[in-house]
């Protein structure tokens, strides 16, 4: 399987077993625990971006204009949305908001639900179920 940053083509017939997250800087304890939780899932290609890493990644993969738009975001959530679109376009996989948690039971992820050309997966945050979307 190609690495996150090597730009190799992916099989477009399935969603890659990859998860991406973003937190601009200095994540609070509960967010860092979430990062640590996902980092420990066996077989998961997992990447967390911070503002510096995202800025460089966008520049390397999409150029100076994308970097400038990212840096011009009015809020970290807006920057994360901009980054998400670019990562999903290039690599595919799953984007999880930093406060979201995958529900993993018995070593299996919940089966994605198809709908409207997008995939949805149930996640939980503070014991509340919600959906996270991928491309």
N, C-alpha and C. Protein backbone atom coordinates (compact mmCIF):
# COMPACT_ATOMS: atom_id res chain seq x y z
N UNK A 1 0.85 -1.19 0.00
CA UNK A 1 0.00 0.00 0.00
C UNK A 1 0.89 1.24 0.00
N UNK A 2 0.59 2.21 -0.84
CA UNK A 2 1.43 3.41 -0.89
C UNK A 2 1.38 4.17 0.43
N UNK A 3 2.46 4.86 0.73
CA UNK A 3 2.52 5.67 1.94
C UNK A 3 1.70 6.94 1.81
N UNK A 4 1.48 7.59 2.92
CA UNK A 4 0.66 8.80 2.93
C UNK A 4 1.20 9.91 2.05
N UNK A 5 2.49 10.04 1.99
CA UNK A 5 3.06 11.20 1.33
C UNK A 5 3.84 10.89 0.06
N UNK A 6 3.74 9.66 -0.46
CA UNK A 6 4.54 9.35 -1.63
C UNK A 6 3.81 9.59 -2.95
N UNK A 7 2.52 9.94 -2.90
CA UNK A 7 1.79 10.30 -4.11
C UNK A 7 1.45 9.15 -5.03
N UNK A 8 1.64 7.90 -4.60
CA UNK A 8 1.34 6.75 -5.45
C UNK A 8 -0.17 6.62 -5.64
N UNK A 9 -0.56 6.13 -6.80
CA UNK A 9 -1.97 5.95 -7.12
C UNK A 9 -2.59 4.87 -6.22
N UNK A 10 -3.87 5.07 -5.91
CA UNK A 10 -4.60 4.13 -5.09
C UNK A 10 -5.63 3.39 -5.92
N UNK A 11 -6.05 2.22 -5.47
CA UNK A 11 -7.14 1.48 -6.08
C UNK A 11 -8.43 2.24 -5.82
N UNK A 12 -9.08 2.74 -6.85
CA UNK A 12 -10.26 3.58 -6.66
C UNK A 12 -11.53 2.77 -6.42
N UNK A 13 -11.44 1.45 -6.40
CA UNK A 13 -12.64 0.64 -6.20
C UNK A 13 -12.99 0.43 -4.73
N UNK A 14 -12.16 0.90 -3.83
CA UNK A 14 -12.45 0.76 -2.40
C UNK A 14 -11.89 1.95 -1.64
N UNK A 15 -12.44 2.16 -0.47
CA UNK A 15 -11.96 3.25 0.38
C UNK A 15 -10.72 2.76 1.12
N UNK A 16 -9.59 3.45 0.99
CA UNK A 16 -8.38 3.02 1.70
C UNK A 16 -8.57 3.03 3.21
N UNK A 17 -7.91 2.11 3.88
CA UNK A 17 -7.97 1.99 5.33
C UNK A 17 -7.03 3.01 5.96
N UNK A 18 -7.36 4.27 5.77
CA UNK A 18 -6.56 5.39 6.25
C UNK A 18 -7.46 6.39 6.93
N UNK A 19 -6.95 6.99 7.98
CA UNK A 19 -7.70 8.02 8.70
C UNK A 19 -6.81 9.24 8.85
N UNK A 20 -7.40 10.40 8.62
CA UNK A 20 -6.69 11.67 8.75
C UNK A 20 -7.42 12.54 9.75
N UNK A 21 -6.67 13.32 10.50
CA UNK A 21 -7.22 14.27 11.45
C UNK A 21 -6.39 15.55 11.42
N UNK A 22 -6.98 16.62 11.95
CA UNK A 22 -6.27 17.90 12.00
C UNK A 22 -6.56 18.59 13.32
N UNK A 23 -5.52 19.14 13.89
CA UNK A 23 -5.62 20.07 15.02
C UNK A 23 -4.53 21.09 14.82
N UNK A 24 -4.88 22.36 14.79
CA UNK A 24 -3.91 23.38 14.37
C UNK A 24 -2.67 23.43 15.24
N UNK A 25 -2.83 23.49 16.57
CA UNK A 25 -1.66 23.53 17.45
C UNK A 25 -2.07 23.23 18.89
N UNK A 26 -1.17 22.71 19.67
CA UNK A 26 -1.35 22.47 21.10
C UNK A 26 -2.69 21.82 21.45
N UNK A 27 -2.90 20.57 21.04
CA UNK A 27 -4.18 19.92 21.34
C UNK A 27 -4.37 19.73 22.85
N UNK A 28 -5.59 19.95 23.33
CA UNK A 28 -5.86 19.69 24.75
C UNK A 28 -5.76 18.20 25.03
N UNK A 29 -5.75 17.84 26.29
CA UNK A 29 -5.55 16.45 26.72
C UNK A 29 -6.51 15.49 26.05
N UNK A 30 -7.80 15.82 25.99
CA UNK A 30 -8.78 14.88 25.42
C UNK A 30 -8.56 14.67 23.92
N UNK A 31 -8.08 15.68 23.23
CA UNK A 31 -7.78 15.53 21.80
C UNK A 31 -6.52 14.70 21.62
N UNK A 32 -5.51 14.94 22.43
CA UNK A 32 -4.28 14.14 22.36
C UNK A 32 -4.57 12.68 22.68
N UNK A 33 -5.46 12.42 23.63
CA UNK A 33 -5.85 11.04 23.94
C UNK A 33 -6.53 10.40 22.73
N UNK A 34 -7.33 11.17 22.03
CA UNK A 34 -7.98 10.67 20.82
C UNK A 34 -6.94 10.32 19.76
N UNK A 35 -5.96 11.18 19.58
CA UNK A 35 -4.88 10.89 18.63
C UNK A 35 -4.17 9.60 19.02
N UNK A 36 -3.85 9.47 20.29
CA UNK A 36 -3.15 8.28 20.78
C UNK A 36 -3.99 7.02 20.58
N UNK A 37 -5.30 7.12 20.82
CA UNK A 37 -6.21 5.99 20.65
C UNK A 37 -6.15 5.48 19.21
N UNK A 38 -6.27 6.38 18.25
CA UNK A 38 -6.29 5.98 16.85
C UNK A 38 -4.92 5.49 16.38
N UNK A 39 -3.87 6.05 16.91
CA UNK A 39 -2.52 5.65 16.54
C UNK A 39 -2.27 4.17 16.90
N UNK A 40 -2.98 3.65 17.89
CA UNK A 40 -2.76 2.28 18.36
C UNK A 40 -3.60 1.23 17.64
N UNK A 41 -4.49 1.63 16.74
CA UNK A 41 -5.33 0.66 16.03
C UNK A 41 -4.48 -0.09 15.01
N UNK A 42 -4.44 -1.40 15.17
CA UNK A 42 -3.63 -2.25 14.29
C UNK A 42 -4.11 -2.15 12.85
N UNK A 43 -3.19 -2.02 11.91
CA UNK A 43 -3.51 -2.03 10.50
C UNK A 43 -4.05 -0.72 9.94
N UNK A 44 -4.13 0.29 10.76
CA UNK A 44 -4.67 1.58 10.33
C UNK A 44 -3.53 2.49 9.90
N UNK A 45 -3.61 3.03 8.71
CA UNK A 45 -2.68 4.03 8.25
C UNK A 45 -3.24 5.36 8.72
N UNK A 46 -2.62 5.96 9.69
CA UNK A 46 -3.19 7.09 10.43
C UNK A 46 -2.25 8.28 10.39
N UNK A 47 -2.81 9.46 10.14
CA UNK A 47 -1.99 10.66 10.06
C UNK A 47 -2.72 11.84 10.69
N UNK A 48 -2.05 12.54 11.58
CA UNK A 48 -2.55 13.78 12.16
C UNK A 48 -1.76 14.92 11.57
N UNK A 49 -2.47 15.94 11.12
CA UNK A 49 -1.84 17.14 10.60
C UNK A 49 -2.00 18.27 11.60
N UNK A 50 -0.95 19.06 11.78
CA UNK A 50 -1.07 20.32 12.51
C UNK A 50 -0.89 21.43 11.48
N UNK A 51 -0.96 22.67 11.92
CA UNK A 51 -0.92 23.79 10.97
C UNK A 51 0.37 23.80 10.14
N UNK A 52 1.52 23.60 10.79
CA UNK A 52 2.79 23.62 10.07
C UNK A 52 2.88 22.48 9.05
N UNK A 53 2.53 21.28 9.49
CA UNK A 53 2.59 20.11 8.62
C UNK A 53 1.63 20.28 7.44
N UNK A 54 0.41 20.75 7.72
CA UNK A 54 -0.60 20.94 6.68
C UNK A 54 -0.14 22.00 5.67
N UNK A 55 0.44 23.08 6.18
CA UNK A 55 0.92 24.15 5.32
C UNK A 55 1.96 23.62 4.34
N UNK A 56 2.91 22.88 4.83
CA UNK A 56 3.96 22.32 3.98
C UNK A 56 3.39 21.27 3.02
N UNK A 57 2.49 20.41 3.52
CA UNK A 57 1.89 19.38 2.69
C UNK A 57 1.12 20.01 1.52
N UNK A 58 0.32 21.02 1.80
CA UNK A 58 -0.44 21.70 0.75
C UNK A 58 0.49 22.34 -0.28
N UNK A 59 1.54 22.97 0.20
CA UNK A 59 2.50 23.59 -0.71
C UNK A 59 3.15 22.55 -1.62
N UNK A 60 3.60 21.43 -1.04
CA UNK A 60 4.28 20.39 -1.81
C UNK A 60 3.35 19.71 -2.82
N UNK A 61 2.07 19.57 -2.46
CA UNK A 61 1.15 18.81 -3.31
C UNK A 61 0.24 19.67 -4.18
N UNK A 62 -0.02 20.91 -3.78
CA UNK A 62 -0.96 21.75 -4.53
C UNK A 62 -0.42 23.14 -4.85
N UNK A 63 0.71 23.51 -4.30
CA UNK A 63 1.34 24.77 -4.67
C UNK A 63 1.05 25.94 -3.75
N UNK A 64 1.60 27.08 -4.15
CA UNK A 64 1.57 28.28 -3.33
C UNK A 64 0.15 28.82 -3.13
N UNK A 65 -0.71 28.69 -4.14
CA UNK A 65 -2.08 29.21 -4.00
C UNK A 65 -2.86 28.46 -2.93
N UNK A 66 -2.76 27.14 -2.93
CA UNK A 66 -3.46 26.34 -1.91
C UNK A 66 -2.92 26.66 -0.53
N UNK A 67 -1.62 26.78 -0.42
CA UNK A 67 -1.02 27.14 0.87
C UNK A 67 -1.55 28.49 1.35
N UNK A 68 -1.61 29.47 0.46
CA UNK A 68 -2.11 30.78 0.84
C UNK A 68 -3.56 30.77 1.27
N UNK A 69 -4.39 30.02 0.57
CA UNK A 69 -5.80 29.93 0.96
C UNK A 69 -5.95 29.27 2.33
N UNK A 70 -5.17 28.23 2.57
CA UNK A 70 -5.19 27.55 3.87
C UNK A 70 -4.79 28.52 4.98
N UNK A 71 -3.70 29.21 4.78
CA UNK A 71 -3.21 30.15 5.81
C UNK A 71 -4.16 31.33 6.00
N UNK A 72 -4.99 31.63 5.00
CA UNK A 72 -5.95 32.72 5.10
C UNK A 72 -7.27 32.32 5.73
N UNK A 73 -7.41 31.08 6.14
CA UNK A 73 -8.66 30.63 6.77
C UNK A 73 -8.93 31.47 8.02
N UNK A 74 -10.19 31.79 8.24
CA UNK A 74 -10.58 32.64 9.36
C UNK A 74 -10.68 31.88 10.68
N UNK A 75 -10.72 30.57 10.62
CA UNK A 75 -10.90 29.75 11.83
C UNK A 75 -10.23 28.40 11.58
N UNK A 76 -9.70 27.75 12.63
CA UNK A 76 -9.08 26.43 12.44
C UNK A 76 -10.01 25.41 11.79
N UNK A 77 -11.31 25.48 12.08
CA UNK A 77 -12.25 24.53 11.46
C UNK A 77 -12.34 24.78 9.95
N UNK A 78 -12.28 26.01 9.54
CA UNK A 78 -12.28 26.34 8.12
C UNK A 78 -11.01 25.82 7.46
N UNK A 79 -9.89 25.97 8.12
CA UNK A 79 -8.63 25.45 7.60
C UNK A 79 -8.69 23.92 7.47
N UNK A 80 -9.28 23.26 8.48
CA UNK A 80 -9.41 21.80 8.45
C UNK A 80 -10.29 21.37 7.28
N UNK A 81 -11.37 22.09 7.03
CA UNK A 81 -12.24 21.76 5.90
C UNK A 81 -11.49 21.87 4.57
N UNK A 82 -10.71 22.92 4.44
CA UNK A 82 -9.92 23.12 3.22
C UNK A 82 -8.91 22.00 3.04
N UNK A 83 -8.21 21.66 4.11
CA UNK A 83 -7.22 20.59 4.06
C UNK A 83 -7.88 19.25 3.73
N UNK A 84 -9.02 18.98 4.36
CA UNK A 84 -9.71 17.71 4.17
C UNK A 84 -10.01 17.45 2.69
N UNK A 85 -10.55 18.43 2.01
CA UNK A 85 -10.89 18.26 0.60
C UNK A 85 -9.66 17.87 -0.22
N UNK A 86 -8.55 18.50 0.07
CA UNK A 86 -7.33 18.23 -0.70
C UNK A 86 -6.74 16.85 -0.38
N UNK A 87 -6.75 16.47 0.88
CA UNK A 87 -6.25 15.15 1.26
C UNK A 87 -7.12 14.06 0.66
N UNK A 88 -8.43 14.21 0.78
CA UNK A 88 -9.35 13.19 0.26
C UNK A 88 -9.22 13.07 -1.26
N UNK A 89 -9.03 14.18 -1.94
CA UNK A 89 -8.90 14.12 -3.39
C UNK A 89 -7.65 13.34 -3.79
N UNK A 90 -6.57 13.57 -3.09
CA UNK A 90 -5.30 12.94 -3.46
C UNK A 90 -5.19 11.50 -2.97
N UNK A 91 -5.63 11.23 -1.75
CA UNK A 91 -5.40 9.92 -1.14
C UNK A 91 -6.63 9.07 -0.88
N UNK A 92 -7.81 9.67 -0.76
CA UNK A 92 -8.97 8.91 -0.32
C UNK A 92 -8.81 8.52 1.13
N UNK A 93 -9.72 7.75 1.65
CA UNK A 93 -9.66 7.32 3.04
C UNK A 93 -10.77 7.95 3.84
N UNK A 94 -10.53 8.15 5.10
CA UNK A 94 -11.52 8.65 6.04
C UNK A 94 -10.98 9.89 6.74
N UNK A 95 -11.83 10.86 6.90
CA UNK A 95 -11.48 12.06 7.67
C UNK A 95 -12.30 12.00 8.94
N UNK A 96 -11.65 12.17 10.06
CA UNK A 96 -12.35 12.16 11.34
C UNK A 96 -12.05 13.47 12.06
N UNK A 97 -13.10 14.15 12.50
CA UNK A 97 -12.87 15.37 13.26
C UNK A 97 -12.10 14.99 14.52
N UNK A 98 -11.27 15.88 14.99
CA UNK A 98 -10.38 15.57 16.11
C UNK A 98 -11.13 15.16 17.37
N UNK A 99 -12.37 15.56 17.51
CA UNK A 99 -13.17 15.17 18.67
C UNK A 99 -13.95 13.89 18.46
N UNK A 100 -13.82 13.25 17.28
CA UNK A 100 -14.58 12.04 16.98
C UNK A 100 -13.79 10.79 17.30
N UNK A 101 -14.49 9.71 17.58
CA UNK A 101 -13.86 8.43 17.91
C UNK A 101 -14.49 7.34 17.06
N UNK A 102 -13.67 6.48 16.44
CA UNK A 102 -14.20 5.31 15.76
C UNK A 102 -14.67 4.32 16.81
N UNK A 103 -15.78 3.67 16.55
CA UNK A 103 -16.22 2.60 17.42
C UNK A 103 -15.62 1.30 16.90
N UNK A 104 -14.77 0.70 17.69
CA UNK A 104 -14.11 -0.53 17.29
C UNK A 104 -14.54 -1.62 18.26
N UNK A 105 -15.18 -2.65 17.73
CA UNK A 105 -15.67 -3.74 18.58
C UNK A 105 -15.08 -5.05 18.07
N UNK A 106 -14.43 -5.78 18.93
CA UNK A 106 -13.88 -7.08 18.56
C UNK A 106 -12.89 -7.00 17.41
N UNK A 107 -12.20 -5.88 17.28
CA UNK A 107 -11.22 -5.74 16.23
C UNK A 107 -11.80 -5.34 14.88
N UNK A 108 -13.12 -5.15 14.79
CA UNK A 108 -13.76 -4.78 13.53
C UNK A 108 -14.28 -3.36 13.60
N UNK A 109 -14.11 -2.64 12.53
CA UNK A 109 -14.71 -1.31 12.42
C UNK A 109 -16.17 -1.49 12.05
N UNK A 110 -17.01 -0.54 12.39
CA UNK A 110 -18.39 -0.58 11.94
C UNK A 110 -18.41 -0.50 10.42
N UNK A 111 -19.31 -1.25 9.82
CA UNK A 111 -19.41 -1.28 8.37
C UNK A 111 -19.92 0.06 7.87
N UNK A 112 -19.23 0.66 6.90
CA UNK A 112 -19.72 1.92 6.33
C UNK A 112 -21.08 1.75 5.69
N UNK A 113 -21.88 2.77 5.74
CA UNK A 113 -23.21 2.78 5.15
C UNK A 113 -23.15 3.63 3.89
N UNK A 114 -23.60 3.09 2.77
CA UNK A 114 -23.58 3.84 1.52
C UNK A 114 -24.75 4.80 1.47
N UNK A 115 -24.54 5.93 0.82
CA UNK A 115 -25.64 6.87 0.63
C UNK A 115 -25.18 8.10 -0.10
N UNK A 116 -25.93 8.49 -1.10
CA UNK A 116 -25.69 9.73 -1.83
C UNK A 116 -24.26 9.84 -2.35
N UNK A 117 -23.65 8.72 -2.74
CA UNK A 117 -22.30 8.78 -3.28
C UNK A 117 -21.23 9.00 -2.24
N UNK A 118 -21.59 9.06 -0.98
CA UNK A 118 -20.62 9.24 0.10
C UNK A 118 -20.74 8.04 1.03
N UNK A 119 -19.73 7.82 1.78
CA UNK A 119 -19.76 6.77 2.79
C UNK A 119 -19.93 7.44 4.15
N UNK A 120 -20.65 6.78 5.03
CA UNK A 120 -20.85 7.29 6.37
C UNK A 120 -20.44 6.20 7.35
N UNK A 121 -19.86 6.59 8.43
CA UNK A 121 -19.50 5.63 9.47
C UNK A 121 -19.93 6.22 10.80
N UNK A 122 -20.49 5.39 11.64
CA UNK A 122 -20.88 5.88 12.95
C UNK A 122 -19.65 6.11 13.80
N UNK A 123 -19.64 7.20 14.49
CA UNK A 123 -18.57 7.50 15.43
C UNK A 123 -19.21 7.98 16.71
N UNK A 124 -18.45 8.05 17.76
CA UNK A 124 -19.00 8.57 19.00
C UNK A 124 -18.07 9.63 19.56
N UNK A 125 -18.64 10.57 20.23
CA UNK A 125 -17.89 11.63 20.88
C UNK A 125 -18.67 11.97 22.14
N UNK A 126 -18.03 11.87 23.27
CA UNK A 126 -18.70 12.13 24.55
C UNK A 126 -19.96 11.28 24.66
N UNK A 127 -19.89 10.01 24.25
CA UNK A 127 -20.98 9.06 24.32
C UNK A 127 -22.19 9.45 23.47
N UNK A 128 -22.02 10.31 22.49
CA UNK A 128 -23.08 10.66 21.56
C UNK A 128 -22.68 10.14 20.20
N UNK A 129 -23.59 9.46 19.53
CA UNK A 129 -23.30 8.94 18.22
C UNK A 129 -23.52 10.03 17.18
N UNK A 130 -22.67 10.10 16.21
CA UNK A 130 -22.84 11.00 15.08
C UNK A 130 -22.18 10.38 13.87
N UNK A 131 -22.28 11.01 12.73
CA UNK A 131 -21.67 10.49 11.51
C UNK A 131 -20.47 11.32 11.14
N UNK A 132 -19.50 10.66 10.57
CA UNK A 132 -18.38 11.37 9.96
C UNK A 132 -18.34 10.96 8.49
N UNK A 133 -17.98 11.86 7.62
CA UNK A 133 -18.04 11.59 6.19
C UNK A 133 -16.65 11.44 5.61
N UNK A 134 -16.58 10.67 4.57
CA UNK A 134 -15.33 10.51 3.84
C UNK A 134 -15.61 10.70 2.36
N UNK A 135 -14.58 10.74 1.61
CA UNK A 135 -14.72 10.83 0.14
C UNK A 135 -14.13 9.59 -0.48
